[in-house]
Amino acid sequence: MWNDLLLPLVIMGGSDSKTLMVGVPLISGQYDVSVPLVSAGLIVALLPVLISYLVCQRQLVCGALAGSGT
């Protein structure tokens, strides 16, 4: 659930630890948004998903094609 912010905020409450998708918007300040800093945070959040997709790409494609009946 990449866009889920409410559940982690409710469960973790006021603790110092936060999930990655809750922490990325907190990088920007109250009146100033540092676009390079937020972009770097989003790239760091994207890297594990991209690496796992590249590693398992062949298995994902074979599994999708196996269910198609061709």
Protein backbone atom coordinates (compact mmCIF):
# COMPACT_ATOMS: atom_id res chain seq x y z
CA MET A 1 0.00 0.00 0.00
CA TRP A 2 2.25 2.76 -1.27
CA ASN A 3 -0.16 5.64 -0.78
CA ASP A 4 -1.43 4.62 2.65
CA LEU A 5 -0.54 7.31 5.16
CA LEU A 6 -3.39 7.14 7.68
CA LEU A 7 -2.84 3.61 9.01
CA PRO A 8 0.90 4.03 9.76
CA LEU A 9 0.23 7.41 11.36
CA VAL A 10 -2.48 5.94 13.62
CA ILE A 11 -0.57 2.78 14.54
CA MET A 12 2.80 4.42 15.17
CA GLY A 13 1.28 7.54 16.74
CA GLY A 14 3.83 9.87 18.27
CA SER A 15 6.79 7.51 18.14
CA ASP A 16 10.10 8.58 16.71
CA SER A 17 10.14 5.77 14.14
CA LYS A 18 8.12 6.28 10.97
CA THR A 19 7.53 4.34 7.80
CA LEU A 20 9.33 5.48 4.68
CA MET A 21 6.26 6.83 2.92
CA VAL A 22 5.30 8.86 6.00
CA GLY A 23 8.83 10.19 6.41
CA VAL A 24 9.38 11.43 2.84
CA PRO A 25 6.82 14.28 3.08
CA LEU A 26 8.34 15.28 6.41
CA ILE A 27 11.62 16.11 4.64
CA SER A 28 10.13 19.33 3.29
CA GLY A 29 9.94 22.28 5.64
CA GLN A 30 6.85 24.19 6.71
CA TYR A 31 7.33 27.07 4.27
CA ASP A 32 10.00 25.75 1.93
CA VAL A 33 10.09 22.63 -0.22
CA SER A 34 13.52 21.39 -1.24
CA VAL A 35 12.71 19.59 -4.48
CA PRO A 36 16.13 17.89 -4.81
CA LEU A 37 15.93 16.62 -1.23
CA VAL A 38 12.39 15.24 -1.64
CA SER A 39 13.36 13.70 -4.98
CA ALA A 40 16.35 11.99 -3.37
CA GLY A 41 14.06 10.61 -0.65
CA LEU A 42 11.66 9.24 -3.24
CA ILE A 43 14.48 7.60 -5.19
CA VAL A 44 15.70 5.93 -1.99
CA ALA A 45 12.13 4.70 -1.43
CA LEU A 46 11.94 3.39 -5.00
CA LEU A 47 15.27 1.52 -5.06
CA PRO A 48 14.27 -1.63 -3.10
CA VAL A 49 11.15 -2.11 -5.22
CA LEU A 50 13.04 -1.57 -8.47
CA ILE A 51 15.87 -3.93 -7.49
CA SER A 52 13.46 -6.68 -6.42
CA TYR A 53 11.53 -6.30 -9.68
CA LEU A 54 14.70 -6.53 -11.78
CA VAL A 55 15.86 -9.62 -9.88
CA CYS A 56 12.49 -11.41 -10.17
CA GLN A 57 11.42 -10.08 -13.59
CA ARG A 58 11.68 -13.44 -15.39
CA GLN A 59 9.61 -15.23 -12.74
CA LEU A 60 6.95 -12.51 -12.77
CA VAL A 61 6.58 -12.61 -16.55
CA CYS A 62 6.50 -16.43 -16.64
CA GLY A 63 3.88 -16.49 -13.90
CA ALA A 64 1.70 -13.94 -15.67
CA LEU A 65 1.96 -15.82 -18.96
CA ALA A 66 1.28 -19.18 -17.31
CA GLY A 67 -2.06 -17.90 -16.09
CA SER A 68 -3.10 -16.64 -19.51
CA GLY A 69 -3.58 -20.09 -21.03
CA THR A 70 -1.24 -19.61 -23.98
